[in-house]
C-alpha atoms as a PDB file:
ATOM      1  CA  MET A   1     -30.698 -17.904  71.643  1.00  0.00           C
ATOM      2  CA  LYS A   2     -34.239 -17.058  70.546  1.00  0.00           C
ATOM      3  CA  ILE A   3     -36.891 -19.529  71.690  1.00  0.00           C
ATOM      4  CA  GLY A   4     -40.486 -19.579  70.492  1.00  0.00           C
ATOM      5  CA  ILE A   5     -43.390 -21.233  72.309  1.00  0.00           C
ATOM      6  CA  ILE A   6     -46.651 -21.921  70.508  1.00  0.00           C
ATOM      7  CA  GLY A   7     -49.569 -22.786  72.775  1.00  0.00           C
ATOM      8  CA  ILE A   8     -49.999 -20.786  75.982  1.00  0.00           C
ATOM      9  CA  GLY A   9     -52.266 -23.044  77.994  1.00  0.00           C
ATOM     10  CA  MET A  10     -51.459 -23.957  81.587  1.00  0.00           C
ATOM     11  CA  LEU A  11     -48.343 -25.955  80.681  1.00  0.00           C
ATOM     12  CA  GLY A  12     -47.142 -23.653  77.897  1.00  0.00           C
ATOM     13  CA  GLU A  13     -47.487 -20.617  80.143  1.00  0.00           C
ATOM     14  CA  ALA A  14     -45.521 -22.284  82.959  1.00  0.00           C
ATOM     15  CA  VAL A  15     -42.701 -23.347  80.613  1.00  0.00           C
ATOM     16  CA  THR A  16     -42.591 -19.812  79.193  1.00  0.00           C
ATOM     17  CA  LEU A  17     -42.439 -18.171  82.616  1.00  0.00           C
ATOM     18  CA  ASN A  18     -39.676 -20.532  83.708  1.00  0.00           C
ATOM     19  CA  LEU A  19     -37.541 -19.653  80.672  1.00  0.00           C
ATOM     20  CA  LEU A  20     -38.233 -15.935  81.100  1.00  0.00           C
ATOM     21  CA  ASN A  21     -37.225 -16.166  84.760  1.00  0.00           C
ATOM     22  CA  LEU A  22     -33.938 -17.718  83.630  1.00  0.00           C
ATOM     23  CA  GLY A  23     -33.285 -14.774  81.299  1.00  0.00           C
ATOM     24  CA  TYR A  24     -34.027 -16.378  77.930  1.00  0.00           C
ATOM     25  CA  ASP A  25     -35.328 -14.412  74.953  1.00  0.00           C
ATOM     26  CA  VAL A  26     -38.801 -15.952  74.478  1.00  0.00           C
ATOM     27  CA  ALA A  27     -41.460 -15.244  71.843  1.00  0.00           C
ATOM     28  CA  VAL A  28     -44.976 -16.658  72.099  1.00  0.00           C
ATOM     29  CA  TYR A  29     -47.978 -17.298  69.889  1.00  0.00           C
ATOM     30  CA  ASN A  30     -51.456 -18.445  70.831  1.00  0.00           C
ATOM     31  CA  ARG A  31     -54.685 -18.337  68.855  1.00  0.00           C
ATOM     32  CA  THR A  32     -56.508 -16.869  71.874  1.00  0.00           C
ATOM     33  CA  LYS A  33     -54.688 -13.594  72.416  1.00  0.00           C
ATOM     34  CA  GLU A  34     -55.905 -13.112  75.986  1.00  0.00           C
ATOM     35  CA  LYS A  35     -53.881 -16.116  77.151  1.00  0.00           C
ATOM     36  CA  MET A  36     -50.657 -14.289  76.281  1.00  0.00           C
ATOM     37  CA  ILE A  37     -51.281 -11.246  78.484  1.00  0.00           C
ATOM     38  CA  GLU A  38     -49.461 -12.539  81.564  1.00  0.00           C
ATOM     39  CA  VAL A  39     -46.361 -13.774  79.733  1.00  0.00           C
ATOM     40  CA  GLU A  40     -46.210 -10.522  77.746  1.00  0.00           C
ATOM     41  CA  LYS A  41     -46.147  -8.603  81.029  1.00  0.00           C
ATOM     42  CA  ARG A  42     -43.203 -10.762  82.079  1.00  0.00           C
ATOM     43  CA  GLY A  43     -41.213  -9.967  78.942  1.00  0.00           C
ATOM     44  CA  ALA A  44     -42.302 -12.415  76.237  1.00  0.00           C
ATOM     45  CA  LYS A  45     -42.553 -11.069  72.703  1.00  0.00           C
ATOM     46  CA  ILE A  46     -45.908 -11.621  70.994  1.00  0.00           C
ATOM     47  CA  MET A  47     -45.890 -13.064  67.478  1.00  0.00           C
ATOM     48  CA  ASP A  48     -48.757 -12.626  65.010  1.00  0.00           C
ATOM     49  CA  SER A  49     -48.620 -16.106  63.453  1.00  0.00           C
ATOM     50  CA  PRO A  50     -46.633 -19.359  63.483  1.00  0.00           C
ATOM     51  CA  LYS A  51     -44.915 -18.133  60.301  1.00  0.00           C
ATOM     52  CA  ASP A  52     -43.890 -14.929  62.060  1.00  0.00           C
ATOM     53  CA  MET A  53     -42.622 -17.030  64.964  1.00  0.00           C
ATOM     54  CA  ALA A  54     -40.572 -19.249  62.642  1.00  0.00           C
ATOM     55  CA  GLU A  55     -38.898 -16.254  61.006  1.00  0.00           C
ATOM     56  CA  ASN A  56     -37.788 -14.773  64.324  1.00  0.00           C
ATOM     57  CA  THR A  57     -36.643 -17.763  66.411  1.00  0.00           C
ATOM     58  CA  GLU A  58     -34.220 -20.693  66.297  1.00  0.00           C
ATOM     59  CA  LEU A  59     -36.138 -23.242  68.373  1.00  0.00           C
ATOM     60  CA  ILE A  60     -39.936 -23.520  68.445  1.00  0.00           C
ATOM     61  CA  ILE A  61     -41.555 -25.511  71.243  1.00  0.00           C
ATOM     62  CA  ILE A  62     -45.135 -26.533  70.429  1.00  0.00           C
ATOM     63  CA  VAL A  63     -47.499 -27.200  73.346  1.00  0.00           C
ATOM     64  CA  VAL A  64     -50.985 -27.677  71.893  1.00  0.00           C
ATOM     65  CA  LYS A  65     -54.017 -29.911  72.303  1.00  0.00           C
ATOM     66  CA  ASP A  66     -53.597 -32.630  69.684  1.00  0.00           C
ATOM     67  CA  GLY A  67     -52.138 -33.737  66.361  1.00  0.00           C
ATOM     68  CA  ARG A  68     -54.658 -31.727  64.376  1.00  0.00           C
ATOM     69  CA  ALA A  69     -53.577 -28.534  66.137  1.00  0.00           C
ATOM     70  CA  VAL A  70     -49.900 -29.361  65.476  1.00  0.00           C
ATOM     71  CA  GLU A  71     -50.713 -29.885  61.786  1.00  0.00           C
ATOM     72  CA  GLU A  72     -52.585 -26.583  61.543  1.00  0.00           C
ATOM     73  CA  ILE A  73     -49.818 -24.604  63.240  1.00  0.00           C
ATOM     74  CA  SER A  74     -47.165 -26.282  61.147  1.00  0.00           C
ATOM     75  CA  PHE A  75     -48.700 -26.539  57.677  1.00  0.00           C
ATOM     76  CA  GLY A  76     -51.821 -24.350  57.678  1.00  0.00           C
ATOM     77  CA  GLU A  77     -52.256 -20.776  56.542  1.00  0.00           C
ATOM     78  CA  LYS A  78     -49.365 -18.639  57.850  1.00  0.00           C
ATOM     79  CA  GLY A  79     -47.967 -21.836  59.344  1.00  0.00           C
ATOM     80  CA  ILE A  80     -44.406 -22.591  60.350  1.00  0.00           C
ATOM     81  CA  ILE A  81     -43.665 -24.211  57.004  1.00  0.00           C
ATOM     82  CA  GLU A  82     -44.179 -20.895  55.149  1.00  0.00           C
ATOM     83  CA  SER A  83     -41.060 -19.500  56.785  1.00  0.00           C
ATOM     84  CA  LYS A  84     -37.780 -19.469  54.844  1.00  0.00           C
ATOM     85  CA  ASN A  85     -35.773 -20.105  58.018  1.00  0.00           C
ATOM     86  CA  LYS A  86     -34.023 -23.413  57.302  1.00  0.00           C
ATOM     87  CA  LYS A  87     -32.013 -23.322  60.547  1.00  0.00           C
ATOM     88  CA  LEU A  88     -35.212 -23.761  62.513  1.00  0.00           C
ATOM     89  CA  VAL A  89     -35.742 -26.766  64.812  1.00  0.00           C
ATOM     90  CA  ILE A  90     -39.199 -27.809  66.031  1.00  0.00           C
ATOM     91  CA  ALA A  91     -39.630 -29.468  69.439  1.00  0.00           C
ATOM     92  CA  ASP A  92     -43.174 -30.764  69.920  1.00  0.00           C
ATOM     93  CA  MET A  93     -44.235 -31.123  73.554  1.00  0.00           C
ATOM     94  CA  SER A  94     -47.830 -32.015  72.642  1.00  0.00           C
ATOM     95  CA  THR A  95     -49.210 -35.450  73.501  1.00  0.00           C
ATOM     96  CA  ILE A  96     -49.921 -37.158  70.178  1.00  0.00           C
ATOM     97  CA  ASP A  97     -49.464 -40.717  68.966  1.00  0.00           C
ATOM     98  CA  SER A  98     -46.275 -41.954  67.358  1.00  0.00           C
ATOM     99  CA  VAL A  99     -47.826 -42.408  63.906  1.00  0.00           C
ATOM    100  CA  GLU A 100     -48.963 -38.766  63.795  1.00  0.00           C
ATOM    101  CA  SER A 101     -45.593 -37.614  65.086  1.00  0.00           C
ATOM    102  CA  LYS A 102     -43.681 -39.487  62.387  1.00  0.00           C
ATOM    103  CA  LYS A 103     -45.913 -38.120  59.616  1.00  0.00           C
ATOM    104  CA  ILE A 104     -45.460 -34.560  60.840  1.00  0.00           C
ATOM    105  CA  ALA A 105     -41.692 -35.050  61.109  1.00  0.00           C
ATOM    106  CA  GLU A 106     -41.564 -36.356  57.531  1.00  0.00           C
ATOM    107  CA  LYS A 107     -43.408 -33.270  56.253  1.00  0.00           C
ATOM    108  CA  PHE A 108     -40.945 -31.002  58.027  1.00  0.00           C
ATOM    109  CA  GLN A 109     -37.995 -33.037  56.795  1.00  0.00           C
ATOM    110  CA  LYS A 110     -39.060 -32.482  53.184  1.00  0.00           C
ATOM    111  CA  GLU A 111     -38.617 -28.769  53.840  1.00  0.00           C
ATOM    112  CA  GLY A 112     -35.239 -29.266  55.490  1.00  0.00           C
ATOM    113  CA  ILE A 113     -36.570 -28.639  59.010  1.00  0.00           C
ATOM    114  CA  GLN A 114     -35.767 -31.047  61.828  1.00  0.00           C
ATOM    115  CA  LYS A 115     -38.408 -31.995  64.379  1.00  0.00           C
ATOM    116  CA  LEU A 116     -37.964 -33.422  67.847  1.00  0.00           C
ATOM    117  CA  GLU A 117     -40.707 -34.730  70.084  1.00  0.00           C
ATOM    118  CA  ILE A 118     -40.306 -33.746  73.750  1.00  0.00           C
ATOM    119  CA  PRO A 119     -43.458 -34.738  75.703  1.00  0.00           C
ATOM    120  CA  VAL A 120     -43.196 -34.250  79.454  1.00  0.00           C
ATOM    121  CA  MET A 121     -44.565 -35.603  82.705  1.00  0.00           C
ATOM    122  CA  GLY A 122     -45.576 -33.125  85.385  1.00  0.00           C
ATOM    123  CA  GLY A 123     -47.986 -30.228  85.414  1.00  0.00           C
ATOM    124  CA  PRO A 124     -47.622 -26.443  85.457  1.00  0.00           C
ATOM    125  CA  ASN A 125     -46.899 -26.527  89.188  1.00  0.00           C
ATOM    126  CA  VAL A 126     -43.532 -28.193  88.497  1.00  0.00           C
ATOM    127  CA  ALA A 127     -42.963 -26.709  85.023  1.00  0.00           C
ATOM    128  CA  ILE A 128     -42.707 -23.249  86.545  1.00  0.00           C
ATOM    129  CA  THR A 129     -39.495 -24.315  88.324  1.00  0.00           C
ATOM    130  CA  GLY A 130     -38.105 -26.536  85.566  1.00  0.00           C
ATOM    131  CA  LYS A 131     -38.794 -29.802  87.382  1.00  0.00           C
ATOM    132  CA  LEU A 132     -40.563 -31.702  84.604  1.00  0.00           C
ATOM    133  CA  VAL A 133     -39.533 -35.127  83.320  1.00  0.00           C
ATOM    134  CA  MET A 134     -38.899 -34.996  79.570  1.00  0.00           C
ATOM    135  CA  MET A 135     -38.898 -37.831  77.051  1.00  0.00           C
ATOM    136  CA  ALA A 136     -37.158 -36.828  73.816  1.00  0.00           C
ATOM    137  CA  SER A 137     -36.692 -38.544  70.469  1.00  0.00           C
ATOM    138  CA  GLY A 138     -35.824 -37.600  66.922  1.00  0.00           C
ATOM    139  CA  PRO A 139     -32.615 -36.241  65.349  1.00  0.00           C
ATOM    140  CA  LYS A 140     -29.811 -36.648  67.911  1.00  0.00           C
ATOM    141  CA  ASN A 141     -27.801 -33.701  66.565  1.00  0.00           C
ATOM    142  CA  SER A 142     -30.691 -31.296  67.205  1.00  0.00           C
ATOM    143  CA  PHE A 143     -31.323 -32.797  70.627  1.00  0.00           C
ATOM    144  CA  ASP A 144     -27.669 -32.378  71.595  1.00  0.00           C
ATOM    145  CA  TYR A 145     -27.584 -28.803  70.310  1.00  0.00           C
ATOM    146  CA  TYR A 146     -30.574 -27.717  72.403  1.00  0.00           C
ATOM    147  CA  LYS A 147     -30.060 -29.984  75.404  1.00  0.00           C
ATOM    148  CA  THR A 148     -29.023 -27.049  77.586  1.00  0.00           C
ATOM    149  CA  ILE A 149     -32.501 -25.585  77.021  1.00  0.00           C
ATOM    150  CA  PHE A 150     -34.226 -28.896  77.686  1.00  0.00           C
ATOM    151  CA  ASP A 151     -32.242 -29.221  80.926  1.00  0.00           C
ATOM    152  CA  LYS A 152     -33.747 -25.921  82.077  1.00  0.00           C
ATOM    153  CA  ILE A 153     -37.276 -27.124  81.296  1.00  0.00           C
ATOM    154  CA  ALA A 154     -36.906 -30.544  82.937  1.00  0.00           C
ATOM    155  CA  ASP A 155     -34.583 -31.843  85.651  1.00  0.00           C
ATOM    156  CA  LYS A 156     -34.732 -35.332  84.131  1.00  0.00           C
ATOM    157  CA  VAL A 157     -34.327 -35.646  80.354  1.00  0.00           C
ATOM    158  CA  PHE A 158     -34.364 -39.015  78.578  1.00  0.00           C
ATOM    159  CA  PHE A 159     -33.240 -39.260  74.967  1.00  0.00           C
ATOM    160  CA  LEU A 160     -35.039 -42.340  73.649  1.00  0.00           C
ATOM    161  CA  GLY A 161     -33.940 -42.644  70.030  1.00  0.00           C
ATOM    162  CA  GLU A 162     -35.881 -42.468  66.817  1.00  0.00           C
ATOM    163  CA  GLN A 163     -38.959 -40.383  66.038  1.00  0.00           C
ATOM    164  CA  GLY A 164     -42.143 -41.730  67.632  1.00  0.00           C
ATOM    165  CA  THR A 165     -40.486 -43.349  70.647  1.00  0.00           C
ATOM    166  CA  ALA A 166     -41.037 -40.514  73.115  1.00  0.00           C
ATOM    167  CA  ASN A 167     -44.708 -40.173  72.265  1.00  0.00           C
ATOM    168  CA  SER A 168     -45.233 -43.923  72.677  1.00  0.00           C
ATOM    169  CA  ILE A 169     -43.702 -43.721  76.161  1.00  0.00           C
ATOM    170  CA  LYS A 170     -45.736 -40.615  76.983  1.00  0.00           C
ATOM    171  CA  LEU A 171     -48.996 -42.401  76.139  1.00  0.00           C
ATOM    172  CA  ALA A 172     -47.944 -45.376  78.263  1.00  0.00           C
ATOM    173  CA  MET A 173     -47.173 -42.983  81.138  1.00  0.00           C
ATOM    174  CA  ASN A 174     -50.555 -41.275  80.879  1.00  0.00           C
ATOM    175  CA  LEU A 175     -52.154 -44.700  80.824  1.00  0.00           C
ATOM    176  CA  GLN A 176     -50.537 -45.286  84.228  1.00  0.00           C
ATOM    177  CA  ILE A 177     -51.889 -42.095  85.793  1.00  0.00           C
ATOM    178  CA  THR A 178     -55.327 -42.865  84.363  1.00  0.00           C
ATOM    179  CA  MET A 179     -55.407 -46.251  86.047  1.00  0.00           C
ATOM    180  CA  LEU A 180     -53.980 -44.938  89.314  1.00  0.00           C
ATOM    181  CA  ALA A 181     -56.656 -42.230  89.528  1.00  0.00           C
ATOM    182  CA  LEU A 182     -59.368 -44.799  88.869  1.00  0.00           C
ATOM    183  CA  SER A 183     -58.020 -47.385  91.332  1.00  0.00           C
ATOM    184  CA  LEU A 184     -57.637 -44.805  94.103  1.00  0.00           C
ATOM    185  CA  SER A 185     -61.165 -43.546  93.422  1.00  0.00           C
ATOM    186  CA  GLU A 186     -62.605 -47.042  93.660  1.00  0.00           C
ATOM    187  CA  GLY A 187     -60.546 -47.903  96.767  1.00  0.00           C
ATOM    188  CA  ILE A 188     -61.629 -44.735  98.583  1.00  0.00           C
ATOM    189  CA  THR A 189     -65.254 -45.310  97.552  1.00  0.00           C
ATOM    190  CA  LEU A 190     -65.131 -48.923  98.774  1.00  0.00           C
ATOM    191  CA  VAL A 191     -63.849 -48.077 102.242  1.00  0.00           C
ATOM    192  CA  LYS A 192     -66.166 -45.074 102.660  1.00  0.00           C
ATOM    193  CA  LYS A 193     -69.170 -47.256 101.837  1.00  0.00           C
ATOM    194  CA  SER A 194     -67.805 -49.707 104.428  1.00  0.00           C
ATOM    195  CA  LYS A 195     -67.904 -46.841 106.969  1.00  0.00           C
ATOM    196  CA  VAL A 196     -64.118 -46.761 107.269  1.00  0.00           C
ATOM    197  CA  ASP A 197     -62.086 -43.530 107.237  1.00  0.00           C
ATOM    198  CA  PRO A 198     -60.358 -43.513 103.822  1.00  0.00           C
ATOM    199  CA  LYS A 199     -57.303 -41.889 105.405  1.00  0.00           C
ATOM    200  CA  ILE A 200     -56.669 -45.208 107.142  1.00  0.00           C
ATOM    201  CA  PHE A 201     -56.729 -46.911 103.756  1.00  0.00           C
ATOM    202  CA  LEU A 202     -54.147 -44.435 102.474  1.00  0.00           C
ATOM    203  CA  GLN A 203     -51.937 -44.825 105.554  1.00  0.00           C
ATOM    204  CA  VAL A 204     -51.828 -48.588 105.039  1.00  0.00           C
ATOM    205  CA  LEU A 205     -51.361 -48.277 101.258  1.00  0.00           C
ATOM    206  CA  ASN A 206     -48.523 -45.800 101.663  1.00  0.00           C
ATOM    207  CA  SER A 207     -46.699 -48.117 104.073  1.00  0.00           C
ATOM    208  CA  THR A 208     -46.334 -50.701 101.285  1.00  0.00           C
ATOM    209  CA  TYR A 209     -44.446 -50.803  98.000  1.00  0.00           C
ATOM    210  CA  PHE A 210     -47.784 -50.299  96.238  1.00  0.00           C
ATOM    211  CA  LYS A 211     -47.622 -46.614  97.187  1.00  0.00           C
ATOM    212  CA  THR A 212     -47.198 -43.973  94.480  1.00  0.00           C
ATOM    213  CA  GLY A 213     -46.676 -40.240  94.333  1.00  0.00           C
ATOM    214  CA  MET A 214     -50.398 -39.978  93.651  1.00  0.00           C
ATOM    215  CA  SER A 215     -51.365 -42.031  96.706  1.00  0.00           C
ATOM    216  CA  GLU A 216     -49.006 -40.018  98.907  1.00  0.00           C
ATOM    217  CA  ASN A 217     -50.123 -36.610  97.679  1.00  0.00           C
ATOM    218  CA  LYS A 218     -53.167 -36.216  95.462  1.00  0.00           C
ATOM    219  CA  ALA A 219     -55.166 -39.005  97.120  1.00  0.00           C
ATOM    220  CA  PHE A 220     -55.569 -36.966 100.313  1.00  0.00           C
ATOM    221  CA  LYS A 221     -56.822 -34.060  98.214  1.00  0.00           C
ATOM    222  CA  MET A 222     -59.290 -36.456  96.578  1.00  0.00           C
ATOM    223  CA  ILE A 223     -60.680 -37.337 100.008  1.00  0.00           C
ATOM    224  CA  ASN A 224     -61.022 -33.640 100.860  1.00  0.00           C
ATOM    225  CA  GLY A 225     -62.644 -32.742  97.541  1.00  0.00           C
ATOM    226  CA  ASP A 226     -59.702 -30.584  96.454  1.00  0.00           C
ATOM    227  CA  TYR A 227     -59.481 -30.815  92.667  1.00  0.00           C
ATOM    228  CA  ASN A 228     -57.501 -27.718  91.741  1.00  0.00           C
ATOM    229  CA  ALA A 229     -56.692 -28.638  88.160  1.00  0.00           C
ATOM    230  CA  THR A 230     -53.125 -29.168  87.022  1.00  0.00           C
ATOM    231  CA  PHE A 231     -54.392 -31.501  84.284  1.00  0.00           C
ATOM    232  CA  THR A 232     -58.122 -31.548  83.634  1.00  0.00           C
ATOM    233  CA  MET A 233     -60.340 -34.557  83.069  1.00  0.00           C
ATOM    234  CA  THR A 234     -61.146 -33.215  79.604  1.00  0.00           C
ATOM    235  CA  ASN A 235     -57.466 -33.126  78.687  1.00  0.00           C
ATOM    236  CA  LEU A 236     -56.828 -36.598  80.063  1.00  0.00           C
ATOM    237  CA  LYS A 237     -59.854 -37.917  78.172  1.00  0.00           C
ATOM    238  CA  LYS A 238     -58.319 -36.500  74.980  1.00  0.00           C
ATOM    239  CA  ASP A 239     -55.121 -38.407  75.728  1.00  0.00           C
ATOM    240  CA  ILE A 240     -57.046 -41.584  76.550  1.00  0.00           C
ATOM    241  CA  THR A 241     -58.717 -41.390  73.142  1.00  0.00           C
ATOM    242  CA  THR A 242     -55.261 -40.975  71.603  1.00  0.00           C
ATOM    243  CA  MET A 243     -54.242 -44.175  73.433  1.00  0.00           C
ATOM    244  CA  THR A 244     -57.232 -46.149  72.173  1.00  0.00           C
ATOM    245  CA  ASN A 245     -56.653 -44.899  68.624  1.00  0.00           C
ATOM    246  CA  ALA A 246     -52.976 -45.865  68.863  1.00  0.00           C
ATOM    247  CA  ALA A 247     -53.980 -49.344  70.042  1.00  0.00           C
ATOM    248  CA  LYS A 248     -56.211 -49.745  66.979  1.00  0.00           C
ATOM    249  CA  GLU A 249     -53.389 -48.626  64.682  1.00  0.00           C
ATOM    250  CA  LEU A 250     -51.052 -51.133  66.341  1.00  0.00           C
ATOM    251  CA  GLY A 251     -53.620 -53.940  66.197  1.00  0.00           C
ATOM    252  CA  ILE A 252     -53.535 -54.581  69.957  1.00  0.00           C
ATOM    253  CA  GLN A 253     -56.242 -54.892  72.603  1.00  0.00           C
ATOM    254  CA  LEU A 254     -56.109 -52.676  75.699  1.00  0.00           C
ATOM    255  CA  PRO A 255     -59.448 -53.442  77.386  1.00  0.00           C
ATOM    256  CA  MET A 256     -58.740 -51.472  80.566  1.00  0.00           C
ATOM    257  CA  ILE A 257     -58.030 -48.189  78.799  1.00  0.00           C
ATOM    258  CA  ASN A 258     -61.143 -48.729  76.654  1.00  0.00           C
ATOM    259  CA  LYS A 259     -63.188 -48.946  79.855  1.00  0.00           C
ATOM    260  CA  ALA A 260     -61.393 -45.917  81.271  1.00  0.00           C
ATOM    261  CA  GLU A 261     -62.340 -43.945  78.163  1.00  0.00           C
ATOM    262  CA  GLU A 262     -65.989 -44.775  78.780  1.00  0.00           C
ATOM    263  CA  ILE A 263     -65.778 -43.783  82.466  1.00  0.00           C
ATOM    264  CA  TYR A 264     -64.093 -40.444  81.791  1.00  0.00           C
ATOM    265  CA  GLU A 265     -66.551 -39.713  78.969  1.00  0.00           C
ATOM    266  CA  ASN A 266     -69.442 -40.338  81.373  1.00  0.00           C
ATOM    267  CA  ALA A 267     -67.857 -38.080  83.997  1.00  0.00           C
ATOM    268  CA  ILE A 268     -67.392 -35.270  81.482  1.00  0.00           C
ATOM    269  CA  ASN A 269     -71.030 -35.650  80.412  1.00  0.00           C
ATOM    270  CA  GLU A 270     -71.929 -35.122  84.079  1.00  0.00           C
ATOM    271  CA  GLY A 271     -70.222 -31.729  83.937  1.00  0.00           C
ATOM    272  CA  LEU A 272     -66.982 -32.726  85.685  1.00  0.00           C
ATOM    273  CA  GLY A 273     -64.584 -32.102  82.800  1.00  0.00           C
ATOM    274  CA  ASN A 274     -62.910 -28.979  84.208  1.00  0.00           C
ATOM    275  CA  LEU A 275     -61.900 -30.685  87.448  1.00  0.00           C
ATOM    276  CA  ASP A 276     -58.424 -32.125  87.886  1.00  0.00           C
ATOM    277  CA  TYR A 277     -58.238 -35.649  86.441  1.00  0.00           C
ATOM    278  CA  THR A 278     -58.254 -37.040  90.011  1.00  0.00           C
ATOM    279  CA  GLY A 279     -61.713 -35.478  90.358  1.00  0.00           C
ATOM    280  CA  ILE A 280     -62.941 -38.663  88.667  1.00  0.00           C
ATOM    281  CA  ILE A 281     -63.712 -39.753  92.224  1.00  0.00           C
ATOM    282  CA  GLU A 282     -66.687 -37.357  92.071  1.00  0.00           C
ATOM    283  CA  TYR A 283     -68.165 -39.547  89.337  1.00  0.00           C
ATOM    284  CA  PHE A 284     -67.878 -42.600  91.591  1.00  0.00           C
ATOM    285  CA  LYS A 285     -69.497 -40.652  94.424  1.00  0.00           C
ATOM    286  CA  LYS A 286     -72.328 -39.700  92.104  1.00  0.00           C
ATOM    287  CA  ILE A 287     -73.109 -43.187  90.812  1.00  0.00           C
ATOM    288  CA  ASN A 288     -72.824 -44.685  94.330  1.00  0.00           C
ATOM    289  CA  ASN A 289     -74.636 -41.943  96.269  1.00  0.00           C
ATOM    290  CA  VAL A 290     -71.615 -41.439  98.507  1.00  0.00           C
END
C-alpha cells in the first residue's frame, strides 16, 4: 500500500517516521524541501508536487497549516486534482473548520475522489510511536478500507460520522487545551505572587478530580520554564482564530475563546510565538513582573 504525506512539519514528520518504522511505503511532499531531508534519509520517497504524489499513491494524508493551504495543495497549480488517479483517497489531518472541510470534500467529490477528515490530538512526541487520538469522519467505506493504517497512526480512533464532524470536535478539543493552559498560568501566577510555592498548588490540584494530563505533566515544566515546543503558541493561535471564525459562521457567542485569542495575540507580539503553547505563562509573568 502506497501512502503519501503532504506537509512535513513537526507532526507530519513524526507520522511519516512512524509509518516508515513500521515498514510502509511512504512518499512525501513539502513546499520547503529542507524539511524532507530527515525522512528521505529514513526511506521516504520525495515527490515533486501534489499532482506527482496523487499519481503515485493510494492514500494521501494532508498535514498542513490551514484551509487555504489545503485548498492550494488540492486545487492549485500541479495540485492533487490534476491527477487522473480516481482510486485516490484523501485524509486531511489539518485543523480547519467544518464549513471549509465540507466545501473541500464537495470539490473532490465532483472529481470522483473521496475525502476523509482525520484530525488528531497529541503532538509529535506521541505521533512517533503511533499513540495519537484520531477523530475521523466522512465516507465510511473509505474509512473502513484504510482503518488498519489509521490504527497504526493512533491507538484510539473514533469514527464520528458525516463530513465536518471530526473537525468540529477537534476545534472543541483545542478550545479545552487553550483554556487549561490559561487557567494553569493564572493559578501559578496567583500563588507565586502570594509567595507560595506553585508546586504545592499543583500537588493539591492533582489530588482532586480537577486534575488533567496537563496539570500532572506540563504544568511542572511551566513552573521550571521548560517550553520545548510540541505545539507552538503561533500554531495554537491559528487554531483559536479558526474557532472564533467558526463561532461567527454558526452564529454563536464564545466570549472566553475571544478573550483567549486576544491574550495569545499579545503574547506572540511580545516575541513568544515559538514557545510551546503552555509558554503563555511567560506572558503572565511579563505583565505581572513575576
